Amino acid sequence: VRNHDMALAFITHDLSLVGLICDEVAVVYKGDLVEHGAALDIL
């Protein structure tokens, strides 16, 4: 992401990984987007 200036969508069920790699987070529950914001703010 840094070297090629590309965008990355990182799909996971494990929130422990979010703080290591993500800039922002979208939380999905039963098909609904229930929360969306900066990764550290949501954590």
PDB file of all heavy atoms in Angstrom:
ATOM      1  N   VAL A   1       0.838  -1.200   0.000  1.00  0.00           N
ATOM      2  CA  VAL A   1       0.000   0.000   0.000  1.00  0.00           C
ATOM      3  C   VAL A   1       0.869   1.246   0.000  1.00  0.00           C
ATOM      4  O   VAL A   1       0.620   2.208  -0.754  1.00  0.00           O
ATOM      5  CB  VAL A   1      -0.944  -0.007   1.224  1.00  0.00           C
ATOM      6  CG1 VAL A   1      -1.657   1.336   1.364  1.00  0.00           C
ATOM      7  CG2 VAL A   1      -1.955  -1.136   1.107  1.00  0.00           C
ATOM      8  N   ARG A   2       1.909   1.241   0.809  1.00  0.00           N
ATOM      9  CA  ARG A   2       2.782   2.414   0.911  1.00  0.00           C
ATOM     10  C   ARG A   2       3.649   2.593  -0.332  1.00  0.00           C
ATOM     11  O   ARG A   2       3.756   3.713  -0.869  1.00  0.00           O
ATOM     12  CB  ARG A   2       3.667   2.300   2.157  1.00  0.00           C
ATOM     13  CG  ARG A   2       4.578   3.504   2.370  1.00  0.00           C
ATOM     14  CD  ARG A   2       5.416   3.383   3.623  1.00  0.00           C
ATOM     15  NE  ARG A   2       6.339   2.258   3.549  1.00  0.00           N
ATOM     16  CZ  ARG A   2       6.196   1.140   4.255  1.00  0.00           C
ATOM     17  NH1 ARG A   2       5.179   1.000   5.074  1.00  0.00           N
ATOM     18  NH2 ARG A   2       7.075   0.151   4.144  1.00  0.00           N
ATOM     19  N   ASN A   3       4.238   1.520  -0.830  1.00  0.00           N
ATOM     20  CA  ASN A   3       5.180   1.623  -1.950  1.00  0.00           C
ATOM     21  C   ASN A   3       4.504   1.888  -3.287  1.00  0.00           C
ATOM     22  O   ASN A   3       5.083   2.534  -4.170  1.00  0.00           O
ATOM     23  CB  ASN A   3       6.027   0.357  -2.052  1.00  0.00           C
ATOM     24  CG  ASN A   3       6.895   0.132  -0.821  1.00  0.00           C
ATOM     25  OD1 ASN A   3       7.208   1.075  -0.091  1.00  0.00           O
ATOM     26  ND2 ASN A   3       7.269  -1.108  -0.569  1.00  0.00           N
ATOM     27  N   HIS A   4       3.272   1.359  -3.461  1.00  0.00           N
ATOM     28  CA  HIS A   4       2.587   1.498  -4.749  1.00  0.00           C
ATOM     29  C   HIS A   4       1.425   2.482  -4.694  1.00  0.00           C
ATOM     30  O   HIS A   4       0.731   2.667  -5.707  1.00  0.00           O
ATOM     31  CB  HIS A   4       2.079   0.133  -5.219  1.00  0.00           C
ATOM     32  CG  HIS A   4       3.169  -0.846  -5.518  1.00  0.00           C
ATOM     33  ND1 HIS A   4       3.794  -0.910  -6.747  1.00  0.00           N
ATOM     34  CD2 HIS A   4       3.765  -1.784  -4.741  1.00  0.00           C
ATOM     35  CE1 HIS A   4       4.713  -1.855  -6.725  1.00  0.00           C
ATOM     36  NE2 HIS A   4       4.717  -2.411  -5.514  1.00  0.00           N
ATOM     37  N   ASP A   5       1.170   3.079  -3.543  1.00  0.00           N
ATOM     38  CA  ASP A   5       0.069   4.034  -3.379  1.00  0.00           C
ATOM     39  C   ASP A   5      -1.251   3.421  -3.835  1.00  0.00           C
ATOM     40  O   ASP A   5      -2.058   4.059  -4.505  1.00  0.00           O
ATOM     41  CB  ASP A   5       0.352   5.327  -4.151  1.00  0.00           C
ATOM     42  CG  ASP A   5      -0.545   6.480  -3.687  1.00  0.00           C
ATOM     43  OD1 ASP A   5      -0.885   6.520  -2.495  1.00  0.00           O
ATOM     44  OD2 ASP A   5      -0.914   7.326  -4.540  1.00  0.00           O
ATOM     45  N   MET A   6      -1.455   2.160  -3.488  1.00  0.00           N
ATOM     46  CA  MET A   6      -2.698   1.489  -3.847  1.00  0.00           C
ATOM     47  C   MET A   6      -3.665   1.519  -2.673  1.00  0.00           C
ATOM     48  O   MET A   6      -3.283   1.783  -1.525  1.00  0.00           O
ATOM     49  CB  MET A   6      -2.432   0.043  -4.284  1.00  0.00           C
ATOM     50  CG  MET A   6      -1.970  -0.869  -3.174  1.00  0.00           C
ATOM     51  SD  MET A   6      -1.924  -2.618  -3.658  1.00  0.00           S
ATOM     52  CE  MET A   6      -0.745  -2.597  -4.998  1.00  0.00           C
ATOM     53  N   ALA A   7      -4.918   1.252  -2.965  1.00  0.00           N
ATOM     54  CA  ALA A   7      -5.942   1.134  -1.932  1.00  0.00           C
ATOM     55  C   ALA A   7      -6.108  -0.336  -1.567  1.00  0.00           C
ATOM     56  O   ALA A   7      -6.039  -1.209  -2.438  1.00  0.00           O
ATOM     57  CB  ALA A   7      -7.264   1.717  -2.412  1.00  0.00           C
ATOM     58  N   LEU A   8      -6.321  -0.609  -0.286  1.00  0.00           N
ATOM     59  CA  LEU A   8      -6.480  -1.978   0.184  1.00  0.00           C
ATOM     60  C   LEU A   8      -7.766  -2.103   0.990  1.00  0.00           C
ATOM     61  O   LEU A   8      -8.006  -1.330   1.919  1.00  0.00           O
ATOM     62  CB  LEU A   8      -5.290  -2.400   1.051  1.00  0.00           C
ATOM     63  CG  LEU A   8      -5.401  -3.745   1.775  1.00  0.00           C
ATOM     64  CD1 LEU A   8      -5.515  -4.894   0.781  1.00  0.00           C
ATOM     65  CD2 LEU A   8      -4.200  -3.973   2.699  1.00  0.00           C
ATOM     66  N   ALA A   9      -8.602  -3.068   0.600  1.00  0.00           N
ATOM     67  CA  ALA A   9      -9.759  -3.455   1.401  1.00  0.00           C
ATOM     68  C   ALA A   9      -9.392  -4.732   2.132  1.00  0.00           C
ATOM     69  O   ALA A   9      -9.164  -5.772   1.501  1.00  0.00           O
ATOM     70  CB  ALA A   9     -10.983  -3.668   0.522  1.00  0.00           C
ATOM     71  N   PHE A  10      -9.326  -4.652   3.456  1.00  0.00           N
ATOM     72  CA  PHE A  10      -8.887  -5.782   4.273  1.00  0.00           C
ATOM     73  C   PHE A  10     -10.103  -6.356   4.989  1.00  0.00           C
ATOM     74  O   PHE A  10     -10.668  -5.727   5.886  1.00  0.00           O
ATOM     75  CB  PHE A  10      -7.834  -5.307   5.276  1.00  0.00           C
ATOM     76  CG  PHE A  10      -7.244  -6.403   6.125  1.00  0.00           C
ATOM     77  CD1 PHE A  10      -6.292  -7.264   5.614  1.00  0.00           C
ATOM     78  CD2 PHE A  10      -7.653  -6.571   7.443  1.00  0.00           C
ATOM     79  CE1 PHE A  10      -5.751  -8.272   6.399  1.00  0.00           C
ATOM     80  CE2 PHE A  10      -7.122  -7.573   8.232  1.00  0.00           C
ATOM     81  CZ  PHE A  10      -6.166  -8.425   7.707  1.00  0.00           C
ATOM     82  N   ILE A  11     -10.536  -7.562   4.574  1.00  0.00           N
ATOM     83  CA  ILE A  11     -11.723  -8.201   5.129  1.00  0.00           C
ATOM     84  C   ILE A  11     -11.297  -9.121   6.265  1.00  0.00           C
ATOM     85  O   ILE A  11     -10.401  -9.957   6.094  1.00  0.00           O
ATOM     86  CB  ILE A  11     -12.463  -9.025   4.055  1.00  0.00           C
ATOM     87  CG1 ILE A  11     -12.532  -8.285   2.720  1.00  0.00           C
ATOM     88  CG2 ILE A  11     -13.839  -9.429   4.553  1.00  0.00           C
ATOM     89  CD1 ILE A  11     -13.305  -7.022   2.740  1.00  0.00           C
ATOM     90  N   THR A  12     -11.928  -8.989   7.421  1.00  0.00           N
ATOM     91  CA  THR A  12     -11.549  -9.828   8.555  1.00  0.00           C
ATOM     92  C   THR A  12     -12.692  -9.913   9.563  1.00  0.00           C
ATOM     93  O   THR A  12     -13.582  -9.051   9.592  1.00  0.00           O
ATOM     94  CB  THR A  12     -10.287  -9.282   9.253  1.00  0.00           C
ATOM     95  OG1 THR A  12      -9.896 -10.167  10.300  1.00  0.00           O
ATOM     96  CG2 THR A  12     -10.526  -7.899   9.830  1.00  0.00           C
ATOM     97  N   HIS A  13     -12.661 -10.958  10.359  1.00  0.00           N
ATOM     98  CA  HIS A  13     -13.581 -11.068  11.499  1.00  0.00           C
ATOM     99  C   HIS A  13     -12.851 -10.767  12.804  1.00  0.00           C
ATOM    100  O   HIS A  13     -13.473 -10.711  13.860  1.00  0.00           O
ATOM    101  CB  HIS A  13     -14.171 -12.483  11.565  1.00  0.00           C
ATOM    102  CG  HIS A  13     -13.147 -13.534  11.877  1.00  0.00           C
ATOM    103  ND1 HIS A  13     -12.376 -14.127  10.898  1.00  0.00           N
ATOM    104  CD2 HIS A  13     -12.734 -14.072  13.051  1.00  0.00           C
ATOM    105  CE1 HIS A  13     -11.554 -14.998  11.453  1.00  0.00           C
ATOM    106  NE2 HIS A  13     -11.738 -14.985  12.767  1.00  0.00           N
ATOM    107  N   ASP A  14     -11.543 -10.572  12.723  1.00  0.00           N
ATOM    108  CA  ASP A  14     -10.686 -10.441  13.903  1.00  0.00           C
ATOM    109  C   ASP A  14     -10.286  -8.981  14.110  1.00  0.00           C
ATOM    110  O   ASP A  14      -9.425  -8.453  13.407  1.00  0.00           O
ATOM    111  CB  ASP A  14      -9.446 -11.318  13.710  1.00  0.00           C
ATOM    112  CG  ASP A  14      -8.597 -11.410  14.975  1.00  0.00           C
ATOM    113  OD1 ASP A  14      -8.900 -10.682  15.946  1.00  0.00           O
ATOM    114  OD2 ASP A  14      -7.642 -12.204  14.984  1.00  0.00           O
ATOM    115  N   LEU A  15     -10.911  -8.339  15.080  1.00  0.00           N
ATOM    116  CA  LEU A  15     -10.614  -6.926  15.334  1.00  0.00           C
ATOM    117  C   LEU A  15      -9.213  -6.720  15.891  1.00  0.00           C
ATOM    118  O   LEU A  15      -8.707  -5.601  15.874  1.00  0.00           O
ATOM    119  CB  LEU A  15     -11.645  -6.344  16.305  1.00  0.00           C
ATOM    120  CG  LEU A  15     -12.814  -5.587  15.669  1.00  0.00           C
ATOM    121  CD1 LEU A  15     -13.799  -5.149  16.729  1.00  0.00           C
ATOM    122  CD2 LEU A  15     -12.337  -4.396  14.869  1.00  0.00           C
ATOM    123  N   SER A  16      -8.564  -7.772  16.369  1.00  0.00           N
ATOM    124  CA  SER A  16      -7.210  -7.604  16.895  1.00  0.00           C
ATOM    125  C   SER A  16      -6.221  -7.253  15.793  1.00  0.00           C
ATOM    126  O   SER A  16      -5.137  -6.727  16.058  1.00  0.00           O
ATOM    127  CB  SER A  16      -6.752  -8.876  17.618  1.00  0.00           C
ATOM    128  OG  SER A  16      -6.633  -9.960  16.707  1.00  0.00           O
ATOM    129  N   LEU A  17      -6.579  -7.523  14.528  1.00  0.00           N
ATOM    130  CA  LEU A  17      -5.695  -7.213  13.407  1.00  0.00           C
ATOM    131  C   LEU A  17      -5.895  -5.796  12.886  1.00  0.00           C
ATOM    132  O   LEU A  17      -5.037  -5.268  12.171  1.00  0.00           O
ATOM    133  CB  LEU A  17      -5.935  -8.204  12.254  1.00  0.00           C
ATOM    134  CG  LEU A  17      -5.773  -9.685  12.579  1.00  0.00           C
ATOM    135  CD1 LEU A  17      -6.148 -10.526  11.359  1.00  0.00           C
ATOM    136  CD2 LEU A  17      -4.351  -9.986  13.017  1.00  0.00           C
ATOM    137  N   VAL A  18      -7.012  -5.201  13.229  1.00  0.00           N
ATOM    138  CA  VAL A  18      -7.380  -3.902  12.657  1.00  0.00           C
ATOM    139  C   VAL A  18      -6.363  -2.826  12.999  1.00  0.00           C
ATOM    140  O   VAL A  18      -5.949  -2.038  12.144  1.00  0.00           O
ATOM    141  CB  VAL A  18      -8.793  -3.512  13.127  1.00  0.00           C
ATOM    142  CG1 VAL A  18      -9.057  -2.036  12.871  1.00  0.00           C
ATOM    143  CG2 VAL A  18      -9.835  -4.366  12.424  1.00  0.00           C
ATOM    144  N   GLY A  19      -5.955  -2.773  14.264  1.00  0.00           N
ATOM    145  CA  GLY A  19      -5.018  -1.737  14.682  1.00  0.00           C
ATOM    146  C   GLY A  19      -3.643  -1.879  14.074  1.00  0.00           C
ATOM    147  O   GLY A  19      -2.867  -0.914  14.045  1.00  0.00           O
ATOM    148  N   LEU A  20      -3.312  -3.072  13.557  1.00  0.00           N
ATOM    149  CA  LEU A  20      -1.992  -3.310  12.984  1.00  0.00           C
ATOM    150  C   LEU A  20      -1.872  -2.811  11.554  1.00  0.00           C
ATOM    151  O   LEU A  20      -0.778  -2.480  11.106  1.00  0.00           O
ATOM    152  CB  LEU A  20      -1.666  -4.809  13.024  1.00  0.00           C
ATOM    153  CG  LEU A  20      -1.610  -5.461  14.408  1.00  0.00           C
ATOM    154  CD1 LEU A  20      -1.394  -6.960  14.264  1.00  0.00           C
ATOM    155  CD2 LEU A  20      -0.508  -4.848  15.252  1.00  0.00           C
ATOM    156  N   ILE A  21      -2.978  -2.780  10.823  1.00  0.00           N
ATOM    157  CA  ILE A  21      -2.879  -2.517   9.390  1.00  0.00           C
ATOM    158  C   ILE A  21      -3.857  -1.473   8.872  1.00  0.00           C
ATOM    159  O   ILE A  21      -3.572  -0.798   7.883  1.00  0.00           O
ATOM    160  CB  ILE A  21      -3.071  -3.843   8.603  1.00  0.00           C
ATOM    161  CG1 ILE A  21      -2.771  -3.641   7.118  1.00  0.00           C
ATOM    162  CG2 ILE A  21      -4.456  -4.419   8.817  1.00  0.00           C
ATOM    163  CD1 ILE A  21      -2.749  -4.927   6.320  1.00  0.00           C
ATOM    164  N   CYS A  22      -4.997  -1.288   9.518  1.00  0.00           N
ATOM    165  CA  CYS A  22      -6.066  -0.472   8.936  1.00  0.00           C
ATOM    166  C   CYS A  22      -5.980   1.006   9.340  1.00  0.00           C
ATOM    167  O   CYS A  22      -5.626   1.330  10.473  1.00  0.00           O
ATOM    168  CB  CYS A  22      -7.435  -1.015   9.343  1.00  0.00           C
ATOM    169  SG  CYS A  22      -7.731  -2.694   8.759  1.00  0.00           S
ATOM    170  N   ASP A  23      -6.354   1.872   8.396  1.00  0.00           N
ATOM    171  CA  ASP A  23      -6.490   3.301   8.666  1.00  0.00           C
ATOM    172  C   ASP A  23      -7.915   3.632   9.093  1.00  0.00           C
ATOM    173  O   ASP A  23      -8.131   4.513   9.930  1.00  0.00           O
ATOM    174  CB  ASP A  23      -6.129   4.117   7.414  1.00  0.00           C
ATOM    175  CG  ASP A  23      -4.687   3.888   6.987  1.00  0.00           C
ATOM    176  OD1 ASP A  23      -3.787   4.202   7.790  1.00  0.00           O
ATOM    177  OD2 ASP A  23      -4.463   3.396   5.870  1.00  0.00           O
ATOM    178  N   GLU A  24      -8.887   2.961   8.499  1.00  0.00           N
ATOM    179  CA  GLU A  24     -10.288   3.137   8.879  1.00  0.00           C
ATOM    180  C   GLU A  24     -10.980   1.786   8.873  1.00  0.00           C
ATOM    181  O   GLU A  24     -10.492   0.825   8.262  1.00  0.00           O
ATOM    182  CB  GLU A  24     -10.996   4.119   7.944  1.00  0.00           C
ATOM    183  CG  GLU A  24     -10.932   3.757   6.475  1.00  0.00           C
ATOM    184  CD  GLU A  24     -11.619   4.794   5.611  1.00  0.00           C
ATOM    185  OE1 GLU A  24     -12.748   5.190   5.941  1.00  0.00           O
ATOM    186  OE2 GLU A  24     -11.023   5.220   4.603  1.00  0.00           O
ATOM    187  N   VAL A  25     -12.120   1.735   9.556  1.00  0.00           N
ATOM    188  CA  VAL A  25     -12.813   0.463   9.746  1.00  0.00           C
ATOM    189  C   VAL A  25     -14.301   0.649   9.471  1.00  0.00           C
ATOM    190  O   VAL A  25     -14.892   1.658   9.875  1.00  0.00           O
ATOM    191  CB  VAL A  25     -12.617  -0.078  11.179  1.00  0.00           C
ATOM    192  CG1 VAL A  25     -13.431  -1.348  11.393  1.00  0.00           C
ATOM    193  CG2 VAL A  25     -11.154  -0.353  11.456  1.00  0.00           C
ATOM    194  N   ALA A  26     -14.881  -0.327   8.779  1.00  0.00           N
ATOM    195  CA  ALA A  26     -16.325  -0.406   8.595  1.00  0.00           C
ATOM    196  C   ALA A  26     -16.802  -1.698   9.250  1.00  0.00           C
ATOM    197  O   ALA A  26     -16.323  -2.787   8.899  1.00  0.00           O
ATOM    198  CB  ALA A  26     -16.682  -0.393   7.111  1.00  0.00           C
ATOM    199  N   VAL A  27     -17.704  -1.591  10.211  1.00  0.00           N
ATOM    200  CA  VAL A  27     -18.224  -2.757  10.929  1.00  0.00           C
ATOM    201  C   VAL A  27     -19.567  -3.142  10.325  1.00  0.00           C
ATOM    202  O   VAL A  27     -20.492  -2.311  10.256  1.00  0.00           O
ATOM    203  CB  VAL A  27     -18.371  -2.464  12.432  1.00  0.00           C
ATOM    204  CG1 VAL A  27     -18.863  -3.706  13.174  1.00  0.00           C
ATOM    205  CG2 VAL A  27     -17.046  -1.992  13.017  1.00  0.00           C
ATOM    206  N   VAL A  28     -19.683  -4.403   9.881  1.00  0.00           N
ATOM    207  CA  VAL A  28     -20.883  -4.878   9.202  1.00  0.00           C
ATOM    208  C   VAL A  28     -21.559  -5.936  10.064  1.00  0.00           C
ATOM    209  O   VAL A  28     -20.909  -6.863  10.559  1.00  0.00           O
ATOM    210  CB  VAL A  28     -20.531  -5.472   7.822  1.00  0.00           C
ATOM    211  CG1 VAL A  28     -21.797  -5.915   7.098  1.00  0.00           C
ATOM    212  CG2 VAL A  28     -19.776  -4.448   6.980  1.00  0.00           C
ATOM    213  N   TYR A  29     -22.877  -5.782  10.245  1.00  0.00           N
ATOM    214  CA  TYR A  29     -23.643  -6.725  11.063  1.00  0.00           C
ATOM    215  C   TYR A  29     -24.955  -7.035  10.356  1.00  0.00           C
ATOM    216  O   TYR A  29     -25.763  -6.148  10.093  1.00  0.00           O
ATOM    217  CB  TYR A  29     -23.917  -6.129  12.440  1.00  0.00           C
ATOM    218  CG  TYR A  29     -24.775  -6.991  13.339  1.00  0.00           C
ATOM    219  CD1 TYR A  29     -24.375  -8.272  13.697  1.00  0.00           C
ATOM    220  CD2 TYR A  29     -26.003  -6.521  13.828  1.00  0.00           C
ATOM    221  CE1 TYR A  29     -25.158  -9.062  14.517  1.00  0.00           C
ATOM    222  CE2 TYR A  29     -26.786  -7.305  14.662  1.00  0.00           C
ATOM    223  CZ  TYR A  29     -26.353  -8.578  15.001  1.00  0.00           C
ATOM    224  OH  TYR A  29     -27.129  -9.370  15.813  1.00  0.00           O
ATOM    225  N   LYS A  30     -25.140  -8.299   9.986  1.00  0.00           N
ATOM    226  CA  LYS A  30     -26.341  -8.755   9.290  1.00  0.00           C
ATOM    227  C   LYS A  30     -26.638  -7.915   8.057  1.00  0.00           C
ATOM    228  O   LYS A  30     -27.787  -7.562   7.780  1.00  0.00           O
ATOM    229  CB  LYS A  30     -27.541  -8.750  10.243  1.00  0.00           C
ATOM    230  CG  LYS A  30     -27.455  -9.809  11.332  1.00  0.00           C
ATOM    231  CD  LYS A  30     -28.716  -9.859  12.169  1.00  0.00           C
ATOM    232  CE  LYS A  30     -28.644 -10.979  13.202  1.00  0.00           C
ATOM    233  NZ  LYS A  30     -29.878 -11.036  14.043  1.00  0.00           N
ATOM    234  N   GLY A  31     -25.588  -7.579   7.325  1.00  0.00           N
ATOM    235  CA  GLY A  31     -25.752  -6.845   6.083  1.00  0.00           C
ATOM    236  C   GLY A  31     -25.817  -5.345   6.221  1.00  0.00           C
ATOM    237  O   GLY A  31     -25.824  -4.628   5.217  1.00  0.00           O
ATOM    238  N   ASP A  32     -25.874  -4.842   7.454  1.00  0.00           N
ATOM    239  CA  ASP A  32     -25.944  -3.403   7.697  1.00  0.00           C
ATOM    240  C   ASP A  32     -24.585  -2.859   8.101  1.00  0.00           C
ATOM    241  O   ASP A  32     -23.820  -3.523   8.814  1.00  0.00           O
ATOM    242  CB  ASP A  32     -26.952  -3.076   8.812  1.00  0.00           C
ATOM    243  CG  ASP A  32     -28.386  -3.269   8.366  1.00  0.00           C
ATOM    244  OD1 ASP A  32     -28.728  -2.791   7.263  1.00  0.00           O
ATOM    245  OD2 ASP A  32     -29.156  -3.893   9.104  1.00  0.00           O
ATOM    246  N   LEU A  33     -24.278  -1.645   7.680  1.00  0.00           N
ATOM    247  CA  LEU A  33     -23.079  -0.940   8.132  1.00  0.00           C
ATOM    248  C   LEU A  33     -23.439  -0.233   9.437  1.00  0.00           C
ATOM    249  O   LEU A  33     -24.140   0.778   9.440  1.00  0.00           O
ATOM    250  CB  LEU A  33     -22.629   0.079   7.079  1.00  0.00           C
ATOM    251  CG  LEU A  33     -21.365   0.882   7.398  1.00  0.00           C
ATOM    252  CD1 LEU A  33     -20.165  -0.040   7.534  1.00  0.00           C
ATOM    253  CD2 LEU A  33     -21.114   1.928   6.328  1.00  0.00           C
ATOM    254  N   VAL A  34     -22.962  -0.771  10.571  1.00  0.00           N
ATOM    255  CA  VAL A  34     -23.370  -0.251  11.869  1.00  0.00           C
ATOM    256  C   VAL A  34     -22.395   0.775  12.431  1.00  0.00           C
ATOM    257  O   VAL A  34     -22.752   1.543  13.330  1.00  0.00           O
ATOM    258  CB  VAL A  34     -23.573  -1.397  12.884  1.00  0.00           C
ATOM    259  CG1 VAL A  34     -24.683  -2.322  12.420  1.00  0.00           C
ATOM    260  CG2 VAL A  34     -22.286  -2.179  13.109  1.00  0.00           C
ATOM    261  N   GLU A  35     -21.148   0.778  11.933  1.00  0.00           N
ATOM    262  CA  GLU A  35     -20.159   1.737  12.431  1.00  0.00           C
ATOM    263  C   GLU A  35     -19.051   1.908  11.406  1.00  0.00           C
ATOM    264  O   GLU A  35     -18.615   0.943  10.783  1.00  0.00           O
ATOM    265  CB  GLU A  35     -19.593   1.263  13.771  1.00  0.00           C
ATOM    266  CG  GLU A  35     -18.887   2.355  14.543  1.00  0.00           C
ATOM    267  CD  GLU A  35     -18.767   2.044  16.031  1.00  0.00           C
ATOM    268  OE1 GLU A  35     -19.271   0.984  16.475  1.00  0.00           O
ATOM    269  OE2 GLU A  35     -18.180   2.857  16.747  1.00  0.00           O
ATOM    270  N   HIS A  36     -18.589   3.159  11.243  1.00  0.00           N
ATOM    271  CA  HIS A  36     -17.563   3.449  10.242  1.00  0.00           C
ATOM    272  C   HIS A  36     -16.765   4.654  10.709  1.00  0.00           C
ATOM    273  O   HIS A  36     -17.337   5.683  11.074  1.00  0.00           O
ATOM    274  CB  HIS A  36     -18.213   3.735   8.884  1.00  0.00           C
ATOM    275  CG  HIS A  36     -17.223   3.977   7.790  1.00  0.00           C
ATOM    276  ND1 HIS A  36     -17.520   4.685   6.645  1.00  0.00           N
ATOM    277  CD2 HIS A  36     -15.914   3.609   7.661  1.00  0.00           C
ATOM    278  CE1 HIS A  36     -16.456   4.742   5.857  1.00  0.00           C
ATOM    279  NE2 HIS A  36     -15.474   4.099   6.460  1.00  0.00           N
ATOM    280  N   GLY A  37     -15.445   4.516  10.748  1.00  0.00           N
ATOM    281  CA  GLY A  37     -14.610   5.626  11.185  1.00  0.00           C
ATOM    282  C   GLY A  37     -13.149   5.239  11.237  1.00  0.00           C
ATOM    283  O   GLY A  37     -12.753   4.168  10.760  1.00  0.00           O
ATOM    284  N   ALA A  38     -12.342   6.124  11.811  1.00  0.00           N
ATOM    285  CA  ALA A  38     -10.913   5.857  11.955  1.00  0.00           C
ATOM    286  C   ALA A  38     -10.697   4.630  12.831  1.00  0.00           C
ATOM    287  O   ALA A  38     -11.421   4.414  13.813  1.00  0.00           O
ATOM    288  CB  ALA A  38     -10.209   7.068  12.548  1.00  0.00           C
ATOM    289  N   ALA A  39      -9.696   3.828  12.492  1.00  0.00           N
ATOM    290  CA  ALA A  39      -9.486   2.549  13.171  1.00  0.00           C
ATOM    291  C   ALA A  39      -9.264   2.727  14.670  1.00  0.00           C
ATOM    292  O   ALA A  39      -9.902   2.052  15.488  1.00  0.00           O
ATOM    293  CB  ALA A  39      -8.303   1.813  12.547  1.00  0.00           C
ATOM    294  N   LEU A  40      -8.380   3.637  15.054  1.00  0.00           N
ATOM    295  CA  LEU A  40      -8.082   3.817  16.475  1.00  0.00           C
ATOM    296  C   LEU A  40      -9.279   4.369  17.235  1.00  0.00           C
ATOM    297  O   LEU A  40      -9.510   4.005  18.397  1.00  0.00           O
ATOM    298  CB  LEU A  40      -6.861   4.727  16.637  1.00  0.00           C
ATOM    299  CG  LEU A  40      -5.532   4.142  16.162  1.00  0.00           C
ATOM    300  CD1 LEU A  40      -4.389   5.127  16.398  1.00  0.00           C
ATOM    301  CD2 LEU A  40      -5.225   2.820  16.846  1.00  0.00           C
ATOM    302  N   ASP A  41     -10.060   5.232  16.599  1.00  0.00           N
ATOM    303  CA  ASP A  41     -11.252   5.766  17.261  1.00  0.00           C
ATOM    304  C   ASP A  41     -12.243   4.665  17.568  1.00  0.00           C
ATOM    305  O   ASP A  41     -12.836   4.615  18.660  1.00  0.00           O
ATOM    306  CB  ASP A  41     -11.912   6.829  16.385  1.00  0.00           C
ATOM    307  CG  ASP A  41     -11.130   8.127  16.346  1.00  0.00           C
ATOM    308  OD1 ASP A  41     -10.252   8.310  17.221  1.00  0.00           O
ATOM    309  OD2 ASP A  41     -11.380   8.958  15.456  1.00  0.00           O
ATOM    310  N   ILE A  42     -12.445   3.761  16.615  1.00  0.00           N
ATOM    311  CA  ILE A  42     -13.410   2.681  16.824  1.00  0.00           C
ATOM    312  C   ILE A  42     -12.897   1.688  17.860  1.00  0.00           C
ATOM    313  O   ILE A  42     -13.662   1.181  18.694  1.00  0.00           O
ATOM    314  CB  ILE A  42     -13.713   1.992  15.486  1.00  0.00           C
ATOM    315  CG1 ILE A  42     -14.588   2.908  14.632  1.00  0.00           C
ATOM    316  CG2 ILE A  42     -14.384   0.636  15.696  1.00  0.00           C
ATOM    317  CD1 ILE A  42     -14.999   2.343  13.306  1.00  0.00           C
ATOM    318  N   LEU A  43     -11.596   1.409  17.868  1.00  0.00           N
ATOM    319  CA  LEU A  43     -11.046   0.484  18.853  1.00  0.00           C
ATOM    320  C   LEU A  43     -11.104   1.055  20.264  1.00  0.00           C
ATOM    321  O   LEU A  43     -11.338   0.328  21.239  1.00  0.00           O
ATOM    322  CB  LEU A  43      -9.601   0.135  18.485  1.00  0.00           C
ATOM    323  CG  LEU A  43      -9.403  -0.774  17.275  1.00  0.00           C
ATOM    324  CD1 LEU A  43      -7.924  -0.919  16.970  1.00  0.00           C
ATOM    325  CD2 LEU A  43     -10.041  -2.139  17.492  1.00  0.00           C
TER     326      LEU A  43
END
